[in-house]
């Protein structure tokens, strides 16, 4: 791939070459026609040769007109380029003719409509939230697994001797010390049981989580975090009351 500088040099050289070829060809044709006019005249000379005068004058007029057109074109382009601002500025409505501004606005609106109509609608990918819902753009598996470090951090705040998290530990076993703090439903199941089941599906299931399974897991995670936060607040209140009782009375 040639560089822009080489391409520009080649383009300018080709342009100059074509101009020179055109001038030479025009001059040769002019000389040939004038010489033919001289040969076909009665006197066979340049003197009082009307045909040679017409041919020479025609070529001269064409040359002058062509030269003036080229000069006019170059001057017009140069003036238009000088009117272009050298600094960046936003083009406003007053900078364009009304017809041009209307055309630009119509094309912009058309492009926006095409972009909007091109968006996928009613598309559902397994393991992802449906567009238009509160779970739009959420990957169920990753979002559910991301709750583990957050709950583990709260568990260490409430229970300082809580065991360290192992990569593949069951949630029911790892958070077993939190089970007494959690409320149980009519079936005797705590949020930790539902959370453990959801995490096991997210970790080991071949298929992706459904929206219902994701909601069950996230609701269980929310209940666990809520219970831990309540215990943490109770611990802070208890510590503050202890500090007040230990202050010396005056």
Protein backbone atom coordinates (compact mmCIF):
# COMPACT_ATOMS: atom_id res chain seq x y z
CA UNK A 1 0.00 0.00 0.00
CA UNK A 2 1.49 3.32 -1.13
CA UNK A 3 1.71 6.17 1.33
CA UNK A 4 -0.46 9.30 0.83
CA UNK A 5 2.65 11.35 -0.03
CA UNK A 6 3.65 8.96 -2.83
CA UNK A 7 0.10 8.88 -4.16
CA UNK A 8 -0.03 12.67 -4.20
CA UNK A 9 3.29 12.87 -6.06
CA UNK A 10 2.14 10.32 -8.64
CA UNK A 11 -1.17 12.17 -9.09
CA UNK A 12 0.52 15.55 -9.62
CA UNK A 13 3.08 14.06 -12.03
CA UNK A 14 0.33 12.39 -14.07
CA UNK A 15 -1.62 15.65 -14.20
CA UNK A 16 1.40 17.62 -15.44
CA UNK A 17 2.17 14.91 -18.01
CA UNK A 18 -1.39 15.01 -19.39
CA UNK A 19 -1.32 18.81 -19.58
CA UNK A 20 1.97 18.75 -21.51
CA UNK A 21 0.67 16.06 -23.89
CA UNK A 22 -2.50 18.12 -24.50
CA UNK A 23 -0.53 21.30 -25.24
CA UNK A 24 1.88 19.49 -27.59
CA UNK A 25 -0.93 17.71 -29.42
CA UNK A 26 -2.89 20.97 -29.79
CA UNK A 27 0.18 22.82 -31.07
CA UNK A 28 0.98 20.07 -33.59
CA UNK A 29 -2.59 20.00 -34.86
CA UNK A 30 -2.58 23.81 -35.17
CA UNK A 31 0.72 23.76 -37.12
CA UNK A 32 -0.53 20.96 -39.36
CA UNK A 33 -3.80 22.74 -40.22
CA UNK A 34 -2.07 26.08 -40.86
CA UNK A 35 0.53 24.41 -43.08
CA UNK A 36 -2.28 22.72 -45.01
CA UNK A 37 -4.03 26.10 -45.40
CA UNK A 38 -0.79 27.53 -46.80
CA UNK A 39 -0.29 24.64 -49.23
CA UNK A 40 -3.84 24.83 -50.52
CA UNK A 41 -3.83 28.60 -51.04
CA UNK A 42 -3.33 30.08 -54.51
CA UNK A 43 -0.25 32.02 -53.51
CA UNK A 44 1.16 29.19 -51.35
CA UNK A 45 2.38 31.72 -48.79
CA UNK A 46 1.42 33.30 -45.49
CA UNK A 47 0.78 36.67 -47.08
CA UNK A 48 -2.94 37.52 -47.35
CA UNK A 49 -3.84 33.93 -46.43
CA UNK A 50 -7.32 34.25 -44.91
CA UNK A 51 -7.68 30.54 -44.09
CA UNK A 52 -4.42 30.47 -42.12
CA UNK A 53 -5.54 33.60 -40.25
CA UNK A 54 -8.89 32.01 -39.32
CA UNK A 55 -7.22 28.82 -38.13
CA UNK A 56 -4.63 30.67 -36.04
CA UNK A 57 -7.24 33.02 -34.58
CA UNK A 58 -9.52 30.08 -33.69
CA UNK A 59 -6.75 28.31 -31.81
CA UNK A 60 -5.76 31.54 -30.10
CA UNK A 61 -9.34 32.19 -28.95
CA UNK A 62 -9.66 28.63 -27.65
CA UNK A 63 -6.36 28.99 -25.77
CA UNK A 64 -7.35 32.32 -24.20
CA UNK A 65 -10.83 31.06 -23.18
CA UNK A 66 -9.38 27.86 -21.71
CA UNK A 67 -6.75 29.82 -19.81
CA UNK A 68 -9.36 32.21 -18.38
CA UNK A 69 -11.61 29.31 -17.34
CA UNK A 70 -8.73 27.61 -15.53
CA UNK A 71 -7.74 30.83 -13.77
CA UNK A 72 -11.37 31.52 -12.81
CA UNK A 73 -11.73 28.00 -11.45
CA UNK A 74 -8.56 28.21 -9.38
CA UNK A 75 -9.52 31.63 -7.98
CA UNK A 76 -13.04 30.45 -7.09
CA UNK A 77 -11.72 27.35 -5.30
CA UNK A 78 -9.13 29.41 -3.44
CA UNK A 79 -11.76 31.93 -2.29
CA UNK A 80 -14.07 29.15 -1.08
CA UNK A 81 -11.25 27.49 0.83
CA UNK A 82 -10.32 30.79 2.48
CA UNK A 83 -13.90 31.16 3.78
CA UNK A 84 -13.64 27.84 5.63
CA UNK A 85 -12.85 28.39 9.31
CA UNK A 86 -9.47 27.10 10.39
CA UNK A 87 -10.75 26.43 13.94
CA UNK A 88 -13.37 23.86 14.91
CA UNK A 89 -16.84 25.23 15.40
CA UNK A 90 -20.33 23.80 15.28
CA UNK A 91 -22.25 24.54 12.09
CA UNK A 92 -25.55 26.14 12.96
CA UNK A 93 -28.75 26.66 11.07
CA UNK A 94 -27.71 30.13 9.94
CA UNK A 95 -24.57 28.73 8.27
CA UNK A 96 -26.57 26.72 5.73
CA UNK A 97 -29.24 27.54 3.19
CA UNK A 98 -32.75 26.64 4.31
CA UNK A 99 -33.04 23.85 1.73
CA UNK A 100 -29.72 22.29 2.77
CA UNK A 101 -30.61 22.47 6.48
CA UNK A 102 -33.99 20.84 5.80
CA UNK A 103 -32.34 18.06 3.82
CA UNK A 104 -29.78 17.42 6.59
CA UNK A 105 -32.51 17.26 9.25
CA UNK A 106 -34.59 14.86 7.14
CA UNK A 107 -31.62 12.56 6.57
CA UNK A 108 -30.74 12.64 10.27
CA UNK A 109 -34.31 11.75 11.28
CA UNK A 110 -34.36 8.99 8.66
CA UNK A 111 -31.08 7.57 10.02
CA UNK A 112 -32.45 7.62 13.57
CA UNK A 113 -35.61 5.80 12.50
CA UNK A 114 -33.59 3.18 10.63
CA UNK A 115 -31.33 2.66 13.66
CA UNK A 116 -34.33 2.31 15.96
CA UNK A 117 -36.15 -0.11 13.69
CA UNK A 118 -32.95 -2.16 13.35
CA UNK A 119 -32.76 -2.82 17.09
CA UNK A 120 -33.68 -6.39 18.05
CA UNK A 121 -37.12 -6.68 19.61
CA UNK A 122 -38.68 -9.53 21.53
CA UNK A 123 -35.32 -11.31 21.56
CA UNK A 124 -34.50 -13.53 24.49
CA UNK A 125 -31.16 -15.19 25.10
CA UNK A 126 -30.94 -17.96 27.64
CA UNK A 127 -29.29 -16.83 30.84
CA UNK A 128 -29.87 -13.14 30.16
CA UNK A 129 -32.62 -10.74 31.16
CA UNK A 130 -35.26 -9.96 28.60
CA UNK A 131 -35.11 -6.51 26.93
CA UNK A 132 -37.54 -4.06 28.46
CA UNK A 133 -37.60 -5.76 31.87
CA UNK A 134 -35.77 -4.87 35.08
CA UNK A 135 -33.29 -7.64 34.31
CA UNK A 136 -32.41 -6.30 30.86
CA UNK A 137 -28.71 -6.75 30.11
CA UNK A 138 -28.04 -8.83 33.24
CA UNK A 139 -26.29 -12.19 32.95
CA UNK A 140 -28.05 -14.39 35.50
CA UNK A 141 -25.15 -16.75 36.19
CA UNK A 142 -22.54 -14.03 36.71
CA UNK A 143 -24.84 -11.74 38.74
CA UNK A 144 -25.77 -14.56 41.10
CA UNK A 145 -22.19 -15.72 41.59
CA UNK A 146 -21.10 -12.14 42.32
CA UNK A 147 -23.25 -12.16 45.47
CA UNK A 148 -21.01 -14.75 47.15
CA UNK A 149 -18.06 -12.43 48.04
CA UNK A 150 -20.46 -9.75 49.27
CA UNK A 151 -22.28 -12.12 51.62
CA UNK A 152 -19.00 -13.66 52.75
CA UNK A 153 -17.64 -10.21 53.66
CA UNK A 154 -20.72 -9.43 55.76
CA UNK A 155 -20.48 -12.85 57.41
CA UNK A 156 -16.91 -12.12 58.54
CA UNK A 157 -18.07 -8.81 60.01
CA UNK A 158 -20.81 -10.48 62.05
CA UNK A 159 -18.80 -13.63 62.87
CA UNK A 160 -15.06 -12.79 62.96
CA UNK A 161 -14.13 -16.49 63.18
CA UNK A 162 -16.14 -17.34 60.10
CA UNK A 163 -14.14 -19.77 57.87
CA UNK A 164 -12.44 -18.54 54.71
CA UNK A 165 -14.27 -19.05 51.47
CA UNK A 166 -13.08 -21.98 49.37
CA UNK A 167 -13.56 -21.87 45.60
CA UNK A 168 -15.97 -24.81 45.30
CA UNK A 169 -17.46 -24.97 48.80
CA UNK A 170 -21.19 -25.54 49.13
CA UNK A 171 -22.99 -22.45 50.38
CA UNK A 172 -24.99 -24.58 52.79
CA UNK A 173 -21.76 -25.77 54.39
CA UNK A 174 -19.73 -22.57 54.17
CA UNK A 175 -22.46 -20.37 55.69
CA UNK A 176 -23.67 -23.02 58.17
CA UNK A 177 -23.02 -20.68 61.10
CA UNK A 178 -25.48 -18.19 59.63
CA UNK A 179 -28.36 -20.65 59.59
CA UNK A 180 -29.50 -19.89 63.17
CA UNK A 181 -29.75 -16.20 62.26
CA UNK A 182 -32.10 -16.80 59.34
CA UNK A 183 -35.85 -17.21 59.43
CA UNK A 184 -37.38 -20.45 58.20
CA UNK A 185 -40.54 -20.89 56.14
CA UNK A 186 -43.40 -23.31 56.77
CA UNK A 187 -41.38 -26.11 55.19
CA UNK A 188 -38.50 -25.57 57.58
CA UNK A 189 -36.29 -24.16 54.81
CA UNK A 190 -34.16 -21.08 55.38
CA UNK A 191 -33.03 -18.63 52.64
CA UNK A 192 -29.65 -20.35 52.80
CA UNK A 193 -31.15 -23.59 51.41
CA UNK A 194 -32.65 -21.77 48.41
CA UNK A 195 -29.44 -19.80 47.93
CA UNK A 196 -27.36 -22.96 47.98
CA UNK A 197 -29.57 -24.58 45.34
CA UNK A 198 -29.37 -21.53 43.06
CA UNK A 199 -25.60 -21.31 43.41
CA UNK A 200 -25.22 -25.00 42.61
CA UNK A 201 -27.23 -24.51 39.42
CA UNK A 202 -25.18 -21.45 38.48
CA UNK A 203 -21.92 -23.28 39.06
CA UNK A 204 -22.53 -26.73 37.64
CA UNK A 205 -25.64 -26.73 35.46
CA UNK A 206 -25.12 -27.21 31.73
CA UNK A 207 -28.13 -25.09 30.89
CA UNK A 208 -28.50 -21.44 31.77
CA UNK A 209 -30.55 -20.21 34.68
CA UNK A 210 -34.14 -19.28 34.07
CA UNK A 211 -35.55 -15.96 35.21
CA UNK A 212 -37.55 -17.68 37.95
CA UNK A 213 -34.47 -19.50 39.30
CA UNK A 214 -32.50 -16.27 39.18
CA UNK A 215 -35.21 -14.44 41.15
CA UNK A 216 -35.30 -17.19 43.79
CA UNK A 217 -31.51 -17.05 44.19
CA UNK A 218 -31.34 -13.26 44.32
CA UNK A 219 -34.25 -13.08 46.77
CA UNK A 220 -32.51 -15.60 49.04
CA UNK A 221 -29.26 -13.59 48.78
CA UNK A 222 -31.18 -10.43 49.68
CA UNK A 223 -32.74 -12.11 52.74
CA UNK A 224 -29.32 -13.32 53.92
CA UNK A 225 -27.74 -9.88 53.46
CA UNK A 226 -30.68 -8.25 55.21
CA UNK A 227 -30.31 -10.54 58.24
CA UNK A 228 -26.55 -9.95 58.38
CA UNK A 229 -26.98 -6.17 58.16
CA UNK A 230 -29.54 -6.27 60.99
CA UNK A 231 -27.12 -8.28 63.13
CA UNK A 232 -24.34 -5.84 62.32
CA UNK A 233 -26.48 -2.87 63.35
CA UNK A 234 -27.43 -4.61 66.60
CA UNK A 235 -23.75 -5.24 67.29
CA UNK A 236 -22.94 -1.56 66.71
CA UNK A 237 -25.77 -0.44 69.01
CA UNK A 238 -24.65 -2.89 71.66
CA UNK A 239 -21.07 -1.65 71.46
CA UNK A 240 -22.16 1.97 71.72
CA UNK A 241 -24.33 1.20 74.78
CA UNK A 242 -21.42 -0.64 76.38
CA UNK A 243 -19.13 2.35 75.79
CA UNK A 244 -21.67 4.67 77.39
CA UNK A 245 -22.03 2.43 80.44
CA UNK A 246 -18.28 2.19 80.87
CA UNK A 247 -17.78 5.98 80.90
CA UNK A 248 -16.98 7.31 84.41
CA UNK A 249 -19.85 9.14 86.07
CA UNK A 250 -19.17 12.65 87.31
